Protein backbone atom coordinates (compact mmCIF):
# COMPACT_ATOMS: atom_id res chain seq x y z
CA MET A 1 38.93 50.41 4.65
CA VAL A 2 36.43 48.19 6.49
CA ASP A 3 37.81 46.50 9.55
CA ILE A 4 37.30 42.76 9.50
CA ASP A 5 35.77 43.00 12.95
CA ASP A 6 33.06 45.29 11.50
CA ARG A 7 32.11 42.67 8.94
CA ILE A 8 31.42 40.00 11.57
CA ARG A 9 29.98 42.31 14.22
CA PRO A 10 26.26 41.58 14.81
CA PRO A 11 23.73 44.13 13.52
CA ALA A 12 22.41 46.81 15.80
CA GLY A 13 19.91 45.48 18.30
CA HIS A 14 21.45 42.01 18.37
CA GLY A 15 24.17 40.99 20.74
CA GLY A 16 24.46 44.35 22.51
CA ASP A 17 24.11 45.01 26.24
CA GLY A 18 25.07 41.47 27.10
CA GLU A 19 22.40 39.89 24.87
CA SER A 20 23.63 36.79 23.05
CA TYR A 21 23.59 37.17 19.27
CA ASP A 22 22.20 33.67 18.73
CA SER A 23 19.47 33.94 21.37
CA ASP A 24 16.76 34.41 18.72
CA LEU A 25 17.98 31.36 16.88
CA MET A 26 18.00 29.24 20.01
CA ARG A 27 14.58 30.38 21.19
CA PRO A 28 11.77 27.84 20.33
CA GLY A 29 9.68 28.86 17.35
CA PRO A 30 6.04 29.89 17.77
CA ALA A 31 3.27 27.33 17.34
CA GLY A 32 2.57 26.57 13.72
CA SER A 33 6.07 27.35 12.53
CA PRO A 34 7.45 25.49 9.50
CA THR A 35 9.60 23.34 11.78
CA ASP A 36 6.58 21.73 13.47
CA ALA A 37 5.91 18.10 12.69
CA VAL A 38 3.19 17.64 10.09
CA PRO A 39 0.31 15.48 11.38
CA LEU A 40 -0.19 12.56 8.99
CA HIS A 41 -3.65 11.10 8.39
CA GLY A 42 -5.28 13.12 11.12
CA GLY A 43 -2.32 12.89 13.46
CA ARG A 44 -2.32 9.10 13.75
CA GLY A 45 1.20 8.80 12.36
CA ARG A 46 0.29 6.88 9.19
CA LEU A 47 2.65 6.82 6.24
CA VAL A 48 1.81 9.06 3.28
CA ARG A 49 3.09 7.67 -0.01
CA ALA A 50 3.73 9.72 -3.12
CA ALA A 51 2.81 6.82 -5.40
CA VAL A 52 0.94 3.54 -5.28
CA PRO A 53 3.11 1.14 -3.24
CA ALA A 54 3.73 -2.51 -3.89
CA ALA A 55 1.12 -4.41 -1.89
CA LEU A 56 0.97 -7.62 0.10
CA VAL A 57 -2.50 -9.15 0.37
CA LEU A 58 -2.93 -11.55 3.29
CA GLY A 59 -6.05 -13.47 4.28
CA GLY A 60 -7.17 -13.25 7.88
CA SER A 61 -8.48 -16.79 7.40
CA GLY A 62 -9.17 -19.19 4.56
CA SER A 63 -11.62 -18.24 1.78
CA SER A 64 -11.34 -14.57 2.65
CA GLY A 65 -11.11 -13.27 -0.92
CA ALA A 66 -7.36 -12.56 -0.96
CA SER A 67 -6.91 -13.56 -4.61
CA THR A 68 -9.89 -11.59 -5.91
CA THR A 69 -8.79 -8.59 -3.83
CA ALA A 70 -5.24 -8.75 -5.23
CA LEU A 71 -6.61 -8.91 -8.77
CA GLY A 72 -9.10 -6.10 -8.13
CA LEU A 73 -6.45 -3.87 -6.57
CA ALA A 74 -4.05 -4.46 -9.48
CA ALA A 75 -6.78 -3.74 -12.03
CA ALA A 76 -7.74 -0.55 -10.19
CA ALA A 77 -4.09 0.61 -10.28
CA ALA A 78 -3.89 -0.03 -14.02
CA VAL A 79 -7.19 1.68 -14.79
CA ASP A 80 -6.66 4.63 -12.45
CA SER A 81 -3.25 5.43 -13.95
CA ASP A 82 -4.43 5.27 -17.58
CA GLY A 83 -1.64 2.82 -18.34
CA ASP A 84 1.17 4.65 -16.52
CA VAL A 85 1.34 1.92 -13.85
CA TRP A 86 1.98 -1.67 -14.95
CA PRO A 87 0.90 -4.02 -12.14
CA VAL A 88 1.98 -7.64 -11.79
CA VAL A 89 0.02 -9.97 -9.50
CA VAL A 90 2.36 -12.54 -7.97
CA ASP A 91 1.14 -15.83 -6.52
CA ALA A 92 2.88 -15.64 -3.14
CA THR A 93 1.07 -18.56 -1.51
CA LEU A 94 3.09 -21.42 -0.05
CA GLY A 95 1.76 -24.12 -2.38
CA GLY A 96 0.38 -22.19 -5.34
CA GLY A 97 -3.12 -20.76 -5.55
CA ASP A 98 -5.74 -20.02 -8.19
CA VAL A 99 -4.94 -16.36 -8.85
CA ALA A 100 -3.90 -17.12 -12.44
CA LEU A 101 -7.08 -19.12 -13.12
CA ARG A 102 -9.22 -16.31 -11.73
CA GLY A 103 -7.32 -13.42 -13.24
CA CYS A 104 -6.05 -14.33 -16.69
CA ASP A 105 -9.09 -13.62 -18.86
CA THR A 106 -6.98 -12.57 -21.87
CA ALA A 107 -3.90 -14.83 -21.99
CA ALA A 108 -2.93 -17.80 -19.82
CA PRO A 109 0.51 -17.82 -18.15
CA VAL A 110 3.33 -19.22 -20.25
CA SER A 111 5.45 -20.26 -17.27
CA SER A 112 5.73 -19.89 -13.50
CA LEU A 113 7.24 -17.60 -10.88
CA GLN A 114 10.04 -20.10 -10.30
CA ASN A 115 10.94 -20.30 -14.00
CA TRP A 116 10.90 -16.54 -14.30
CA LEU A 117 13.32 -16.24 -11.37
CA GLY A 118 15.56 -18.73 -13.20
CA THR A 119 15.83 -16.58 -16.33
CA ARG A 120 19.06 -14.77 -17.11
CA ASP A 121 17.70 -11.32 -16.22
CA PRO A 122 14.44 -11.37 -14.23
CA GLY A 123 14.72 -7.65 -13.53
CA THR A 124 13.34 -6.64 -16.93
CA ALA A 125 9.77 -6.11 -18.03
CA ALA A 126 10.36 -8.32 -21.08
CA SER A 127 11.24 -11.33 -18.93
CA VAL A 128 8.08 -10.83 -16.84
CA GLY A 129 5.96 -10.57 -19.97
CA ALA A 130 7.50 -13.72 -21.42
CA CYS A 131 6.43 -15.83 -18.41
CA SER A 132 3.22 -14.27 -17.15
CA GLY A 133 -0.44 -14.37 -18.05
CA GLN A 134 -2.48 -11.26 -18.79
CA THR A 135 -5.82 -9.74 -17.85
CA SER A 136 -8.08 -7.53 -19.96
CA THR A 137 -6.82 -4.45 -18.08
CA GLY A 138 -3.20 -5.26 -18.98
CA VAL A 139 -2.31 -6.61 -15.54
CA ARG A 140 0.26 -9.41 -15.66
CA VAL A 141 -0.07 -12.51 -13.46
CA LEU A 142 2.80 -14.73 -12.33
CA PRO A 143 1.57 -18.10 -10.96
CA ARG A 144 3.71 -20.43 -8.89
CA THR A 145 4.07 -24.15 -8.37
CA PRO A 146 4.55 -25.88 -4.99
CA ASP A 147 8.31 -26.05 -5.66
CA PRO A 148 10.60 -23.79 -3.59
CA LEU A 149 11.89 -20.57 -5.08
CA PRO A 150 15.28 -21.07 -6.79
CA ARG A 151 18.70 -19.87 -5.64
CA ARG A 152 17.50 -18.88 -2.20
CA GLU A 153 15.25 -16.21 -3.72
CA SER A 154 12.49 -14.65 -1.60
CA LEU A 155 9.52 -12.36 -2.11
CA THR A 156 11.86 -9.49 -1.24
CA SER A 157 14.04 -10.22 -4.26
CA VAL A 158 10.89 -10.67 -6.39
CA ALA A 159 9.71 -7.22 -5.29
CA ARG A 160 13.14 -5.77 -6.10
CA TYR A 161 13.19 -7.31 -9.58
CA LEU A 162 9.72 -5.94 -10.34
CA GLU A 163 10.64 -2.49 -9.03
CA ASN A 164 13.80 -2.44 -11.14
CA ALA A 165 11.69 -3.35 -14.16
CA GLY A 166 9.34 -0.44 -13.49
CA LEU A 167 6.47 -2.74 -12.52
CA LEU A 168 4.12 -2.64 -9.53
CA GLY A 169 4.07 -5.86 -7.51
CA VAL A 170 0.81 -7.03 -5.91
CA PHE A 171 1.47 -10.18 -3.87
CA ASP A 172 -1.35 -12.63 -3.19
CA ALA A 173 -0.07 -14.49 -0.11
CA GLY A 174 -3.43 -15.96 0.89
CA ALA A 175 -3.83 -17.26 4.46
CA PRO A 176 -2.62 -17.38 7.15
CA VAL A 177 -0.96 -14.10 8.10
CA THR A 178 1.79 -16.19 9.73
CA SER A 179 2.99 -17.44 6.32
CA ARG A 180 6.80 -17.65 6.43
CA LEU A 181 6.95 -16.69 2.76
CA ALA A 182 5.27 -13.34 3.44
CA ALA A 183 7.48 -12.43 6.43
CA PRO A 184 10.19 -10.55 4.45
CA LEU A 185 7.59 -8.27 2.86
CA LEU A 186 5.93 -7.62 6.22
CA SER A 187 9.27 -6.23 7.38
CA ASP A 188 9.48 -3.79 4.45
CA PRO A 189 7.75 -0.44 5.22
CA ARG A 190 7.61 0.37 1.50
CA VAL A 191 5.11 -2.44 0.93
CA GLY A 192 1.46 -1.75 1.71
CA LEU A 193 -0.40 -4.39 3.69
CA VAL A 194 -3.96 -5.51 2.90
CA ILE A 195 -5.72 -7.99 5.20
CA THR A 196 -8.84 -9.60 3.77
CA VAL A 197 -11.62 -11.06 5.89
CA ALA A 198 -14.92 -12.60 4.85
CA ALA A 199 -18.03 -10.80 6.10
CA ARG A 200 -18.92 -13.59 8.54
CA PRO A 201 -18.96 -13.41 12.36
CA ASP A 202 -16.63 -16.43 12.71
CA ALA A 203 -14.10 -14.88 10.31
CA ILE A 204 -14.27 -11.56 12.14
CA ASN A 205 -13.60 -13.35 15.44
CA ARG A 206 -10.36 -14.77 13.98
CA LEU A 207 -9.20 -11.38 12.71
CA GLN A 208 -8.27 -9.82 16.04
CA PRO A 209 -5.84 -12.63 16.97
CA ALA A 210 -4.23 -12.20 13.55
CA LEU A 211 -3.77 -8.48 14.16
CA THR A 212 -2.38 -9.21 17.62
CA TRP A 213 0.16 -11.63 16.13
CA LEU A 214 1.25 -9.03 13.57
CA ASP A 215 1.55 -6.42 16.30
CA GLU A 216 3.68 -8.67 18.50
CA ASN A 217 5.96 -9.90 15.71
CA PHE A 218 6.23 -6.88 13.38
CA SER A 219 5.28 -3.90 15.61
CA GLU A 220 2.27 -1.65 15.84
CA PHE A 221 3.34 0.32 12.78
CA VAL A 222 2.74 -2.65 10.46
CA VAL A 223 -0.78 -3.05 11.81
CA GLY A 224 -1.33 0.70 11.87
CA ASP A 225 -0.59 0.99 8.16
CA ALA A 226 -2.65 -2.05 7.14
CA VAL A 227 -5.97 -1.83 5.34
CA ILE A 228 -8.69 -4.30 6.32
CA VAL A 229 -10.81 -5.42 3.37
CA LEU A 230 -14.19 -6.90 4.26
CA THR A 231 -15.38 -9.12 1.39
CA GLU A 232 -19.12 -9.70 1.13
CA GLN A 233 -19.48 -13.20 -0.32
CA VAL A 234 -23.18 -13.58 0.51
CA PRO A 235 -25.61 -10.75 -0.35
CA GLY A 236 -26.31 -8.59 2.69
CA SER A 237 -23.83 -10.36 4.98
CA ALA A 238 -21.69 -7.26 5.52
CA ALA A 239 -24.54 -5.28 7.03
CA THR A 240 -24.30 -7.17 10.34
CA VAL A 241 -20.53 -6.93 10.77
CA ILE A 242 -19.21 -3.81 9.03
CA ASP A 243 -20.08 -1.45 11.90
CA HIS A 244 -18.56 -3.88 14.42
CA VAL A 245 -15.28 -4.05 12.47
CA ARG A 246 -15.06 -0.29 12.06
CA THR A 247 -15.91 0.33 15.72
CA HIS A 248 -13.63 -2.23 17.36
CA LEU A 249 -10.81 -2.67 14.81
CA GLY A 250 -10.92 0.48 12.70
CA SER A 251 -8.71 2.43 15.12
CA TRP A 252 -6.01 -0.24 14.82
CA VAL A 253 -5.52 0.15 11.09
CA ARG A 254 -5.23 2.69 8.28
CA ALA A 255 -8.71 2.02 6.85
CA VAL A 256 -11.53 -0.50 6.55
CA VAL A 257 -12.84 -1.03 3.00
CA GLN A 258 -15.89 -3.08 2.07
CA ILE A 259 -16.05 -5.03 -1.20
CA PRO A 260 -19.75 -5.59 -1.91
CA PHE A 261 -21.22 -8.86 -3.10
CA ASP A 262 -20.73 -9.20 -6.85
CA LEU A 263 -22.33 -11.98 -8.87
CA HIS A 264 -19.42 -11.98 -11.32
CA LEU A 265 -16.97 -12.68 -8.48
CA ALA A 266 -19.26 -15.30 -6.98
CA THR A 267 -19.32 -17.46 -10.12
CA GLY A 268 -15.74 -18.61 -9.42
CA GLY A 269 -14.59 -18.23 -13.03
CA PRO A 270 -12.14 -15.82 -14.67
CA ILE A 271 -12.67 -12.24 -13.57
CA SER A 272 -13.02 -9.39 -16.06
CA TRP A 273 -12.87 -5.83 -14.75
CA HIS A 274 -15.54 -4.54 -17.13
CA ARG A 275 -18.00 -7.24 -15.98
CA LEU A 276 -17.80 -6.21 -12.34
CA ALA A 277 -20.58 -4.03 -10.97
CA ALA A 278 -19.81 -0.32 -10.80
CA GLU A 279 -19.98 -0.45 -6.98
CA THR A 280 -17.35 -3.20 -6.91
CA ARG A 281 -14.99 -1.31 -9.19
CA ASP A 282 -15.44 1.79 -7.02
CA ALA A 283 -14.61 -0.26 -3.91
CA TYR A 284 -11.32 -1.46 -5.43
CA LEU A 285 -10.47 2.13 -6.39
CA THR A 286 -11.22 3.14 -2.79
CA LEU A 287 -8.82 0.45 -1.60
CA LEU A 288 -6.18 1.80 -3.97
CA GLY A 289 -6.61 5.28 -2.51
CA ALA A 290 -6.44 3.97 1.07
CA LEU A 291 -2.98 2.50 0.45
CA ARG A 292 -1.50 5.84 -0.59
């Protein structure tokens, strides 16, 4: 018969001669052990996401290309996933912008963001499809009117409805970064932040105060996980500022991505993914990768 004390007695070499049985367990592990923290993004503490996150696109100043960037990012997500991701671009500006006019090259919107929120069940893909416009890549676009959102809804509830419907929300909030409508999404770490800035010295000068405001009001982690998108709206304009942005602001944020000048974007009409230059499409795909 085995004594119960024998069954709980520590193995030979452990716990004898006054040595504590759990001393090995309590001793710190060697460097490189599985319990060490994993450095993310080169040790800078950036979030690593398993999938493409919902995204909030904010303009560092007016005419920064926020709407075209939101549409390009959504199209890149649709194309890159081969149809597994269904993006919806939401007009999240305070008074209603032109994202539907620029983006809906296949079908115009049937209704508005406010009307969609007023439907019986906005958390279904069918209700989104019934109200939104469509692009040639299959991206849906929900425009808005200057009217307030109904029933005390917010962009947070919009993001939740889209997530429940299995859709990827891309929110075009335009400028400024201090928009009260965008504040709930800025507080959500699951939402990726994109800050657009025109490739002009005056626009670059206004970017640092915007980053400082975000840092003071939403913490360094919001800024640290943001992606700055430099939009080249005049041919060659980015050449004089891109190095400056990367040198002086690149360490603040997750990445700096340049969208090159594209004649199709510059016309101001509806945007079609297949009519963009290959370099422009690659830049939007780079932006998509930077958010992961």
